[in-house]
Amino acid sequence: MNLKSHLDGLSAGSGYFWRGFPLLNLPGIRRYVAIPLIINTSLFALLIYFGAERFDELLDQSIPDWLDWLRWLLWPLFAILSLFVTFFLFSLVGNLIAAPFNSLLAEALHARLAEPTSSQDAGSRDAEWLAFFGDIAKSIVPSLLSELRKLRYLLARAIPLGLLFLIPGVNIIAPFLWLAFSAWMLAIEYADYPMGNHGLSFPEQRKYLGERRTLGFGFGGMVLLATMLPGLNFLVIPTAVAGATLLWVEQYPDARRSDA
């Protein structure tokens, strides 16, 4: 492949992330986005609330009256620390919470993309919601097992890569290798949902992504960039699932048909 082909692959891959965003507003899709987002946001709000209560108690016990002015310095530090922790842990915890929803989101989007004119009878809404929660319950264990499998793959490569930071000379390029590895892992993370829904094993998923490596790097790189943008990182997970599903449908039609 020449340089232009590599650049085209990177550009196309990064574009799939942004193309996934409007898909989240399709009828019947929003529930897969809203419910895990509400759960995740509520969890962090409760943690911050109870953390603030404990922090206030700690200040009452530790600061004498004559140093009460220190509260005006310590509370902003607590707020900054809370934002910092939320920023970096939201996606990590969100992936675990959203894992059962993500497979169903990819499945629902695939059905929409394959048959865009399909619609459901409004009279079946109650049955539809019952089926939705039933599907969530059934997908919890397989989804968590899938996340553990990806975590094992991550650790087996992240630990040796992390050691490069300790080697003089080599540590100069270690940050760039880490960014590339992070982009690749994010491509694997989100491509797993549509590919796994079509029966592809984890090695098969990596094989297909490896055949279009620059496409995967472009997609994963844009996901990585989006996680660093305050505010947007709250919607990165469902947007990445939607983008990966669109990428799967458009870029791997033969694989999709062979596994259907």
Protein backbone atom coordinates (compact mmCIF):
# COMPACT_ATOMS: atom_id res chain seq x y z
CA MET A 1 0.00 0.00 0.00
CA ASN A 2 1.25 3.50 -0.82
CA LEU A 3 1.17 6.54 1.44
CA LYS A 4 -2.08 7.84 -0.08
CA SER A 5 -3.85 4.55 0.68
CA HIS A 6 -2.68 4.71 4.29
CA LEU A 7 -3.84 8.31 4.64
CA ASP A 8 -7.19 7.49 3.03
CA GLY A 9 -7.62 4.62 5.49
CA LEU A 10 -6.83 6.84 8.47
CA SER A 11 -9.22 9.53 7.21
CA ALA A 12 -12.05 7.08 6.53
CA GLY A 13 -11.58 5.37 9.89
CA SER A 14 -11.66 8.63 11.85
CA GLY A 15 -14.77 9.69 9.92
CA TYR A 16 -16.70 6.64 11.06
CA PHE A 17 -16.62 7.87 14.66
CA TRP A 18 -18.34 11.16 13.78
CA ARG A 19 -20.75 9.42 11.41
CA GLY A 20 -21.86 7.28 14.32
CA PHE A 21 -23.10 10.25 16.34
CA PRO A 22 -26.32 11.04 14.39
CA LEU A 23 -27.25 7.34 14.41
CA LEU A 24 -27.85 7.57 18.16
CA ASN A 25 -30.95 9.67 17.57
CA LEU A 26 -32.71 7.08 15.43
CA PRO A 27 -36.08 5.84 16.76
CA GLY A 28 -35.66 2.78 18.93
CA ILE A 29 -31.95 3.46 19.47
CA ARG A 30 -32.01 6.16 22.13
CA ARG A 31 -32.85 3.76 24.97
CA TYR A 32 -29.53 1.93 24.47
CA VAL A 33 -27.75 5.26 24.95
CA ALA A 34 -29.87 6.87 27.66
CA ILE A 35 -30.14 4.03 30.19
CA PRO A 36 -26.41 3.23 30.65
CA LEU A 37 -25.61 6.97 30.54
CA ILE A 38 -28.15 7.64 33.32
CA ILE A 39 -26.81 4.72 35.39
CA ASN A 40 -23.21 5.83 34.97
CA THR A 41 -23.93 9.51 35.65
CA SER A 42 -26.06 8.68 38.70
CA LEU A 43 -23.32 6.42 40.07
CA PHE A 44 -20.67 9.13 39.79
CA ALA A 45 -23.05 11.76 41.21
CA LEU A 46 -23.68 9.57 44.27
CA LEU A 47 -19.96 8.90 44.72
CA ILE A 48 -19.18 12.62 44.55
CA TYR A 49 -22.05 13.41 46.95
CA PHE A 50 -20.94 10.89 49.58
CA GLY A 51 -17.31 11.85 48.99
CA ALA A 52 -18.19 15.50 49.65
CA GLU A 53 -19.99 14.54 52.88
CA ARG A 54 -17.00 12.54 54.12
CA PHE A 55 -14.64 15.33 53.07
CA ASP A 56 -16.71 17.87 55.00
CA GLU A 57 -16.62 15.64 58.09
CA LEU A 58 -12.85 15.29 57.71
CA LEU A 59 -12.45 19.07 57.56
CA ASP A 60 -14.61 19.49 60.68
CA GLN A 61 -12.42 17.02 62.57
CA SER A 62 -9.06 18.23 61.28
CA ILE A 63 -9.23 22.02 60.94
CA PRO A 64 -9.42 24.20 64.06
CA ASP A 65 -11.60 27.29 64.04
CA TRP A 66 -8.69 29.66 63.57
CA LEU A 67 -7.75 27.86 60.31
CA ASP A 68 -11.29 27.82 58.99
CA TRP A 69 -10.20 29.97 56.04
CA LEU A 70 -8.40 26.90 54.65
CA ARG A 71 -11.79 25.51 53.63
CA TRP A 72 -11.91 28.11 50.85
CA LEU A 73 -8.75 26.55 49.43
CA LEU A 74 -9.49 22.88 50.08
CA TRP A 75 -13.02 22.76 48.64
CA PRO A 76 -11.92 23.98 45.17
CA LEU A 77 -9.15 21.35 45.30
CA PHE A 78 -11.76 18.70 46.10
CA ALA A 79 -13.90 19.89 43.17
CA ILE A 80 -10.94 19.77 40.79
CA LEU A 81 -9.97 16.29 42.02
CA SER A 82 -13.57 15.09 41.57
CA LEU A 83 -13.65 16.37 38.00
CA PHE A 84 -10.25 14.79 37.32
CA VAL A 85 -11.33 11.38 38.65
CA THR A 86 -14.66 11.55 36.82
CA PHE A 87 -12.96 12.52 33.56
CA PHE A 88 -10.55 9.58 33.61
CA LEU A 89 -12.76 6.91 35.17
CA PHE A 90 -16.06 7.69 33.45
CA SER A 91 -15.16 5.85 30.25
CA LEU A 92 -13.52 2.94 32.10
CA VAL A 93 -16.46 2.34 34.42
CA GLY A 94 -18.88 3.27 31.64
CA ASN A 95 -17.55 0.49 29.42
CA LEU A 96 -18.28 -2.09 32.12
CA ILE A 97 -21.76 -0.72 32.85
CA ALA A 98 -22.63 -0.25 29.18
CA ALA A 99 -21.18 -3.58 27.99
CA PRO A 100 -24.54 -5.45 28.02
CA PHE A 101 -26.19 -2.50 26.27
CA ASN A 102 -23.46 -2.08 23.66
CA SER A 103 -23.99 -5.46 22.01
CA LEU A 104 -27.71 -4.75 21.79
CA LEU A 105 -27.03 -1.23 20.50
CA ALA A 106 -24.82 -2.67 17.75
CA GLU A 107 -27.47 -5.27 16.94
CA ALA A 108 -30.28 -2.70 16.78
CA LEU A 109 -28.20 -0.34 14.64
CA HIS A 110 -27.21 -3.16 12.31
CA ALA A 111 -30.90 -3.96 11.80
CA ARG A 112 -31.59 -0.28 11.08
CA LEU A 113 -28.71 0.03 8.64
CA ALA A 114 -29.54 -3.23 6.88
CA GLU A 115 -33.28 -2.42 6.67
CA PRO A 116 -33.59 1.36 7.09
CA THR A 117 -37.30 1.42 6.27
CA SER A 118 -38.29 -1.13 8.92
CA SER A 119 -40.49 0.09 11.75
CA GLN A 120 -42.27 -1.47 14.70
CA ASP A 121 -45.93 -1.46 15.49
CA ALA A 122 -46.70 1.11 18.20
CA GLY A 123 -49.09 -1.36 19.82
CA SER A 124 -46.21 -3.66 20.73
CA ARG A 125 -44.32 -1.11 22.85
CA ASP A 126 -44.89 -2.91 26.19
CA ALA A 127 -43.74 -6.23 24.76
CA GLU A 128 -40.82 -4.43 23.13
CA TRP A 129 -39.64 -3.02 26.46
CA LEU A 130 -40.04 -6.38 28.19
CA ALA A 131 -37.96 -8.00 25.46
CA PHE A 132 -35.40 -5.20 25.78
CA PHE A 133 -34.84 -5.76 29.50
CA GLY A 134 -34.86 -9.52 28.96
CA ASP A 135 -32.12 -9.17 26.35
CA ILE A 136 -30.12 -6.97 28.73
CA ALA A 137 -30.32 -9.59 31.48
CA LYS A 138 -29.23 -12.37 29.12
CA SER A 139 -26.29 -10.37 27.76
CA ILE A 140 -24.75 -9.38 31.11
CA VAL A 141 -22.56 -12.45 31.63
CA PRO A 142 -21.39 -12.84 27.98
CA SER A 143 -20.63 -9.11 27.79
CA LEU A 144 -18.57 -9.13 30.97
CA LEU A 145 -16.68 -12.22 29.82
CA SER A 146 -15.94 -10.44 26.55
CA GLU A 147 -14.63 -7.40 28.45
CA LEU A 148 -12.37 -9.65 30.55
CA ARG A 149 -11.05 -11.28 27.38
CA LYS A 150 -10.16 -7.89 25.93
CA LEU A 151 -8.63 -6.87 29.25
CA ARG A 152 -6.36 -9.92 29.19
CA TYR A 153 -5.28 -9.04 25.64
CA LEU A 154 -4.65 -5.45 26.76
CA LEU A 155 -2.56 -6.35 29.81
CA ALA A 156 -0.45 -8.89 27.90
CA ARG A 157 0.74 -6.08 25.63
CA ALA A 158 0.44 -3.00 27.83
CA ILE A 159 2.82 -4.30 30.51
CA PRO A 160 5.77 -4.94 28.13
CA LEU A 161 5.02 -1.68 26.34
CA GLY A 162 5.00 0.17 29.64
CA LEU A 163 8.46 -1.19 30.43
CA LEU A 164 9.80 0.66 27.39
CA PHE A 165 9.35 3.91 29.33
CA LEU A 166 12.10 2.69 31.70
CA ILE A 167 14.69 1.98 29.00
CA PRO A 168 16.98 4.96 28.26
CA GLY A 169 16.88 5.97 24.61
CA VAL A 170 13.90 3.76 23.81
CA ASN A 171 11.70 5.78 26.18
CA ILE A 172 11.82 8.64 23.66
CA ILE A 173 9.53 6.77 21.28
CA ALA A 174 7.55 4.97 24.02
CA PRO A 175 4.80 7.66 24.25
CA PHE A 176 4.16 7.44 20.50
CA LEU A 177 4.00 3.65 20.64
CA TRP A 178 1.60 3.91 23.57
CA LEU A 179 -0.71 6.26 21.67
CA ALA A 180 -0.71 3.92 18.66
CA PHE A 181 -1.41 0.93 20.90
CA SER A 182 -4.25 2.81 22.64
CA ALA A 183 -5.83 3.64 19.28
CA TRP A 184 -5.58 0.02 18.19
CA MET A 185 -7.09 -1.24 21.46
CA LEU A 186 -10.04 1.14 21.11
CA ALA A 187 -10.66 -0.12 17.58
CA ILE A 188 -10.68 -3.69 18.93
CA GLU A 189 -12.86 -2.70 21.89
CA TYR A 190 -15.69 -1.25 19.83
CA ALA A 191 -15.45 -3.43 16.73
CA ASP A 192 -16.01 -6.40 19.03
CA TYR A 193 -19.69 -5.50 19.45
CA PRO A 194 -20.89 -5.75 15.82
CA MET A 195 -18.36 -8.45 14.93
CA GLY A 196 -19.15 -10.52 18.01
CA ASN A 197 -22.86 -10.28 17.24
CA HIS A 198 -22.12 -12.03 13.94
CA GLY A 199 -20.26 -14.92 15.51
CA LEU A 200 -16.68 -13.82 14.89
CA SER A 201 -14.25 -15.04 17.53
CA PHE A 202 -11.76 -12.64 19.09
CA PRO A 203 -8.86 -13.87 16.89
CA GLU A 204 -11.09 -13.54 13.80
CA GLN A 205 -11.99 -9.99 14.77
CA ARG A 206 -8.32 -9.05 15.06
CA LYS A 207 -7.65 -10.74 11.71
CA TYR A 208 -10.30 -8.66 9.92
CA LEU A 209 -9.11 -5.44 11.56
CA GLY A 210 -5.51 -6.33 10.71
CA GLU A 211 -6.41 -6.57 7.03
CA ARG A 212 -7.52 -2.92 7.14
CA ARG A 213 -5.11 -1.74 9.80
CA THR A 214 -5.04 1.97 8.91
CA LEU A 215 -8.84 2.02 8.97
CA GLY A 216 -8.74 0.65 12.51
CA PHE A 217 -6.01 3.05 13.61
CA GLY A 218 -7.96 6.00 12.20
CA PHE A 219 -11.14 4.97 13.99
CA GLY A 220 -9.43 4.17 17.29
CA GLY A 221 -7.34 7.32 17.13
CA MET A 222 -10.42 9.50 16.78
CA VAL A 223 -12.11 7.68 19.68
CA LEU A 224 -8.98 8.31 21.76
CA LEU A 225 -9.02 12.01 20.87
CA ALA A 226 -12.73 12.29 21.70
CA THR A 227 -12.19 10.80 25.17
CA MET A 228 -9.88 13.72 25.92
CA LEU A 229 -12.49 16.37 25.10
CA PRO A 230 -14.40 17.52 28.22
CA GLY A 231 -18.15 17.06 27.87
CA LEU A 232 -17.92 14.95 24.73
CA ASN A 233 -16.42 12.01 26.61
CA PHE A 234 -19.85 11.30 28.13
CA LEU A 235 -21.12 10.24 24.68
CA VAL A 236 -17.96 8.60 23.38
CA ILE A 237 -18.99 5.02 24.21
CA PRO A 238 -22.33 4.87 22.32
CA THR A 239 -20.95 7.00 19.47
CA ALA A 240 -17.99 4.63 19.09
CA VAL A 241 -20.30 1.59 19.10
CA ALA A 242 -22.46 3.22 16.42
CA GLY A 243 -19.42 4.19 14.35
CA ALA A 244 -17.93 0.70 14.63
CA THR A 245 -21.23 -0.84 13.54
CA LEU A 246 -21.39 1.45 10.51
CA LEU A 247 -17.77 0.60 9.70
CA TRP A 248 -18.59 -3.11 9.94
CA VAL A 249 -21.61 -2.82 7.66
CA GLU A 250 -19.86 -0.75 4.99
CA GLN A 251 -16.31 -2.09 5.05
CA TYR A 252 -16.85 -5.81 5.73
CA PRO A 253 -19.98 -6.77 3.77
CA ASP A 254 -18.57 -10.14 2.68
CA ALA A 255 -17.67 -11.13 6.23
CA ARG A 256 -21.09 -9.99 7.38
CA ARG A 257 -22.86 -12.13 4.79
CA SER A 258 -20.71 -15.17 5.48
CA ASP A 259 -21.59 -15.07 9.18
CA ALA A 260 -25.22 -14.11 8.83
